[in-house]
Amino acid sequence: MSFPISYEIIYSKRKSVAIQIRPDGQVIVRAPYGCPRSFINSFIHQKADWIVKHSAENKQRYEKQVQLKKVSSGTSKAR
């Protein structure tokens, strides 16, 4: 698996680390305050295959939705 994966960390009042993949494929890591960066890096490395798979799926789905919106927005109206 190729590393590094780019991601954004959001610290909050929580007890566990979670990975969120946004529709455009951006990776967000949610972690508790005080969680060491080394732990987050190893967690991301451990879940790298899952992240790559789901990022690609979400990005593909997102691009498909954008194309559908362009078509349905009237860019191809017939007169």
N, C-alpha and C. Protein backbone atom coordinates (compact mmCIF):
# COMPACT_ATOMS: atom_id res chain seq x y z
N MET A 1 0.84 -1.18 0.00
CA MET A 1 0.00 0.00 0.00
C MET A 1 0.87 1.23 0.00
N SER A 2 0.57 2.17 -0.85
CA SER A 2 1.35 3.40 -0.89
C SER A 2 0.92 4.32 0.25
N PHE A 3 1.88 4.91 0.86
CA PHE A 3 1.65 5.83 1.97
C PHE A 3 2.52 7.02 1.69
N PRO A 4 2.23 8.20 1.93
CA PRO A 4 1.21 8.71 2.82
C PRO A 4 -0.13 8.96 2.13
N ILE A 5 -1.15 8.88 2.91
CA ILE A 5 -2.50 9.26 2.50
C ILE A 5 -2.73 10.63 3.11
N SER A 6 -3.20 11.58 2.31
CA SER A 6 -3.44 12.90 2.88
C SER A 6 -4.78 12.89 3.62
N TYR A 7 -4.80 13.52 4.77
CA TYR A 7 -6.01 13.55 5.59
C TYR A 7 -5.99 14.77 6.49
N GLU A 8 -7.16 15.11 6.97
CA GLU A 8 -7.33 16.23 7.90
C GLU A 8 -7.73 15.64 9.25
N ILE A 9 -7.17 16.18 10.33
CA ILE A 9 -7.52 15.70 11.67
C ILE A 9 -8.43 16.72 12.33
N ILE A 10 -9.52 16.22 12.90
CA ILE A 10 -10.42 17.06 13.68
C ILE A 10 -10.45 16.48 15.09
N TYR A 11 -9.95 17.26 16.03
CA TYR A 11 -9.97 16.84 17.43
C TYR A 11 -11.28 17.29 18.06
N SER A 12 -11.83 16.42 18.89
CA SER A 12 -13.07 16.77 19.59
C SER A 12 -13.19 15.94 20.86
N LYS A 13 -14.24 16.22 21.61
CA LYS A 13 -14.49 15.50 22.85
C LYS A 13 -15.16 14.17 22.50
N ARG A 14 -14.34 13.15 22.33
CA ARG A 14 -14.82 11.82 21.98
C ARG A 14 -13.85 10.80 22.57
N LYS A 15 -14.21 9.53 22.50
CA LYS A 15 -13.37 8.50 23.12
C LYS A 15 -12.64 7.62 22.11
N SER A 16 -13.02 7.70 20.84
CA SER A 16 -12.41 6.82 19.85
C SER A 16 -11.98 7.60 18.61
N VAL A 17 -11.15 6.94 17.80
CA VAL A 17 -10.69 7.52 16.54
C VAL A 17 -11.59 6.98 15.43
N ALA A 18 -12.00 7.86 14.53
CA ALA A 18 -12.86 7.46 13.42
C ALA A 18 -12.34 8.06 12.12
N ILE A 19 -12.63 7.37 11.03
CA ILE A 19 -12.25 7.84 9.69
C ILE A 19 -13.54 8.15 8.94
N GLN A 20 -13.57 9.32 8.32
CA GLN A 20 -14.70 9.73 7.51
C GLN A 20 -14.19 10.01 6.10
N ILE A 21 -14.87 9.50 5.12
CA ILE A 21 -14.55 9.77 3.72
C ILE A 21 -15.66 10.66 3.17
N ARG A 22 -15.31 11.86 2.78
CA ARG A 22 -16.30 12.79 2.23
C ARG A 22 -16.64 12.38 0.81
N PRO A 23 -17.78 12.86 0.29
CA PRO A 23 -18.20 12.48 -1.07
C PRO A 23 -17.16 12.77 -2.15
N ASP A 24 -16.36 13.80 -1.97
CA ASP A 24 -15.33 14.12 -2.97
C ASP A 24 -14.05 13.32 -2.78
N GLY A 25 -14.04 12.40 -1.80
CA GLY A 25 -12.88 11.54 -1.58
C GLY A 25 -11.93 12.02 -0.50
N GLN A 26 -12.17 13.19 0.07
CA GLN A 26 -11.31 13.73 1.12
C GLN A 26 -11.43 12.87 2.38
N VAL A 27 -10.29 12.61 3.02
CA VAL A 27 -10.25 11.77 4.23
C VAL A 27 -10.17 12.66 5.46
N ILE A 28 -11.09 12.43 6.40
CA ILE A 28 -11.13 13.16 7.66
C ILE A 28 -10.92 12.14 8.78
N VAL A 29 -10.01 12.46 9.70
CA VAL A 29 -9.82 11.62 10.88
C VAL A 29 -10.32 12.39 12.08
N ARG A 30 -11.24 11.80 12.81
CA ARG A 30 -11.77 12.41 14.02
C ARG A 30 -11.12 11.69 15.20
N ALA A 31 -10.54 12.48 16.09
CA ALA A 31 -9.80 11.89 17.21
C ALA A 31 -10.07 12.67 18.50
N PRO A 32 -9.91 11.98 19.64
CA PRO A 32 -10.11 12.68 20.91
C PRO A 32 -8.97 13.67 21.18
N TYR A 33 -9.27 14.71 21.95
CA TYR A 33 -8.23 15.64 22.37
C TYR A 33 -7.12 14.84 23.06
N GLY A 34 -5.89 15.19 22.79
CA GLY A 34 -4.76 14.54 23.43
C GLY A 34 -4.31 13.25 22.76
N CYS A 35 -4.97 12.84 21.71
CA CYS A 35 -4.57 11.62 20.99
C CYS A 35 -3.25 11.91 20.26
N PRO A 36 -2.22 11.10 20.51
CA PRO A 36 -0.92 11.36 19.88
C PRO A 36 -0.97 11.22 18.36
N ARG A 37 -0.25 12.09 17.69
CA ARG A 37 -0.18 12.06 16.23
C ARG A 37 0.38 10.73 15.75
N SER A 38 1.31 10.15 16.51
CA SER A 38 1.89 8.86 16.13
C SER A 38 0.82 7.77 16.11
N PHE A 39 -0.12 7.83 17.05
CA PHE A 39 -1.21 6.85 17.07
C PHE A 39 -2.09 7.01 15.84
N ILE A 40 -2.40 8.26 15.50
CA ILE A 40 -3.24 8.53 14.34
C ILE A 40 -2.55 8.06 13.06
N ASN A 41 -1.25 8.34 12.93
CA ASN A 41 -0.51 7.89 11.75
C ASN A 41 -0.51 6.37 11.62
N SER A 42 -0.31 5.66 12.73
CA SER A 42 -0.32 4.20 12.66
C SER A 42 -1.72 3.67 12.36
N PHE A 43 -2.75 4.34 12.89
CA PHE A 43 -4.14 3.95 12.63
C PHE A 43 -4.44 4.11 11.14
N ILE A 44 -4.02 5.23 10.55
CA ILE A 44 -4.24 5.48 9.12
C ILE A 44 -3.48 4.44 8.29
N HIS A 45 -2.27 4.14 8.68
CA HIS A 45 -1.47 3.15 7.96
C HIS A 45 -2.14 1.77 8.03
N GLN A 46 -2.67 1.43 9.19
CA GLN A 46 -3.36 0.14 9.38
C GLN A 46 -4.61 0.04 8.52
N LYS A 47 -5.31 1.14 8.33
CA LYS A 47 -6.58 1.16 7.59
C LYS A 47 -6.41 1.64 6.14
N ALA A 48 -5.19 1.70 5.65
CA ALA A 48 -4.91 2.29 4.33
C ALA A 48 -5.67 1.62 3.20
N ASP A 49 -5.73 0.30 3.18
CA ASP A 49 -6.45 -0.40 2.11
C ASP A 49 -7.93 -0.02 2.10
N TRP A 50 -8.54 0.01 3.27
CA TRP A 50 -9.95 0.39 3.41
C TRP A 50 -10.15 1.83 2.93
N ILE A 51 -9.25 2.73 3.33
CA ILE A 51 -9.37 4.15 2.96
C ILE A 51 -9.30 4.31 1.45
N VAL A 52 -8.33 3.67 0.82
CA VAL A 52 -8.17 3.80 -0.64
C VAL A 52 -9.41 3.27 -1.35
N LYS A 53 -9.90 2.11 -0.93
CA LYS A 53 -11.07 1.51 -1.56
C LYS A 53 -12.29 2.43 -1.45
N HIS A 54 -12.58 2.90 -0.24
CA HIS A 54 -13.78 3.72 -0.03
C HIS A 54 -13.63 5.13 -0.60
N SER A 55 -12.42 5.66 -0.61
CA SER A 55 -12.19 6.97 -1.24
C SER A 55 -12.51 6.90 -2.72
N ALA A 56 -12.03 5.86 -3.37
CA ALA A 56 -12.27 5.71 -4.81
C ALA A 56 -13.76 5.53 -5.10
N GLU A 57 -14.43 4.71 -4.29
CA GLU A 57 -15.87 4.50 -4.49
C GLU A 57 -16.65 5.80 -4.30
N ASN A 58 -16.34 6.54 -3.24
CA ASN A 58 -17.05 7.80 -2.97
C ASN A 58 -16.78 8.83 -4.06
N LYS A 59 -15.51 8.92 -4.49
CA LYS A 59 -15.16 9.89 -5.52
C LYS A 59 -15.87 9.57 -6.83
N GLN A 60 -15.94 8.29 -7.17
CA GLN A 60 -16.63 7.86 -8.39
C GLN A 60 -18.12 8.20 -8.31
N ARG A 61 -18.73 7.92 -7.18
CA ARG A 61 -20.14 8.22 -6.96
C ARG A 61 -20.39 9.73 -7.04
N TYR A 62 -19.49 10.51 -6.44
CA TYR A 62 -19.59 11.96 -6.43
C TYR A 62 -19.51 12.52 -7.86
N GLU A 63 -18.54 12.04 -8.64
CA GLU A 63 -18.38 12.51 -10.01
C GLU A 63 -19.59 12.16 -10.86
N LYS A 64 -20.18 10.99 -10.62
CA LYS A 64 -21.37 10.57 -11.35
C LYS A 64 -22.54 11.51 -11.03
N GLN A 65 -22.69 11.88 -9.75
CA GLN A 65 -23.75 12.80 -9.35
C GLN A 65 -23.56 14.17 -9.98
N VAL A 66 -22.33 14.64 -10.04
CA VAL A 66 -22.04 15.95 -10.64
C VAL A 66 -22.41 15.92 -12.12
N GLN A 67 -22.08 14.84 -12.83
CA GLN A 67 -22.44 14.72 -14.24
C GLN A 67 -23.95 14.71 -14.42
N LEU A 68 -24.66 13.99 -13.55
CA LEU A 68 -26.12 13.94 -13.65
C LEU A 68 -26.73 15.32 -13.41
N LYS A 69 -26.17 16.08 -12.48
CA LYS A 69 -26.68 17.42 -12.21
C LYS A 69 -26.47 18.34 -13.40
N LYS A 70 -25.33 18.18 -14.09
CA LYS A 70 -25.05 18.99 -15.27
C LYS A 70 -26.06 18.69 -16.37
N VAL A 71 -26.37 17.42 -16.56
CA VAL A 71 -27.32 17.02 -17.60
C VAL A 71 -28.73 17.49 -17.25
N SER A 72 -29.11 17.34 -15.99
CA SER A 72 -30.48 17.70 -15.60
C SER A 72 -30.64 19.20 -15.39
N SER A 73 -29.57 19.97 -15.37
CA SER A 73 -29.69 21.40 -15.17
C SER A 73 -30.10 22.15 -16.44
N GLY A 74 -30.25 21.41 -17.52
CA GLY A 74 -30.74 22.03 -18.75
C GLY A 74 -29.66 22.42 -19.73
N THR A 75 -28.48 21.89 -19.58
CA THR A 75 -27.41 22.24 -20.52
C THR A 75 -27.65 21.63 -21.89
N SER A 76 -28.54 20.64 -21.96
CA SER A 76 -28.82 20.03 -23.26
C SER A 76 -30.30 20.15 -23.62
N LYS A 77 -30.85 21.36 -23.52
CA LYS A 77 -32.26 21.58 -23.85
C LYS A 77 -32.45 21.64 -25.36
N ALA A 78 -33.50 20.97 -25.82
CA ALA A 78 -33.84 20.99 -27.25
C ALA A 78 -34.95 22.00 -27.47
N ARG A 79 -34.91 22.71 -28.62
CA ARG A 79 -35.97 23.67 -28.93
C ARG A 79 -36.70 23.27 -30.15
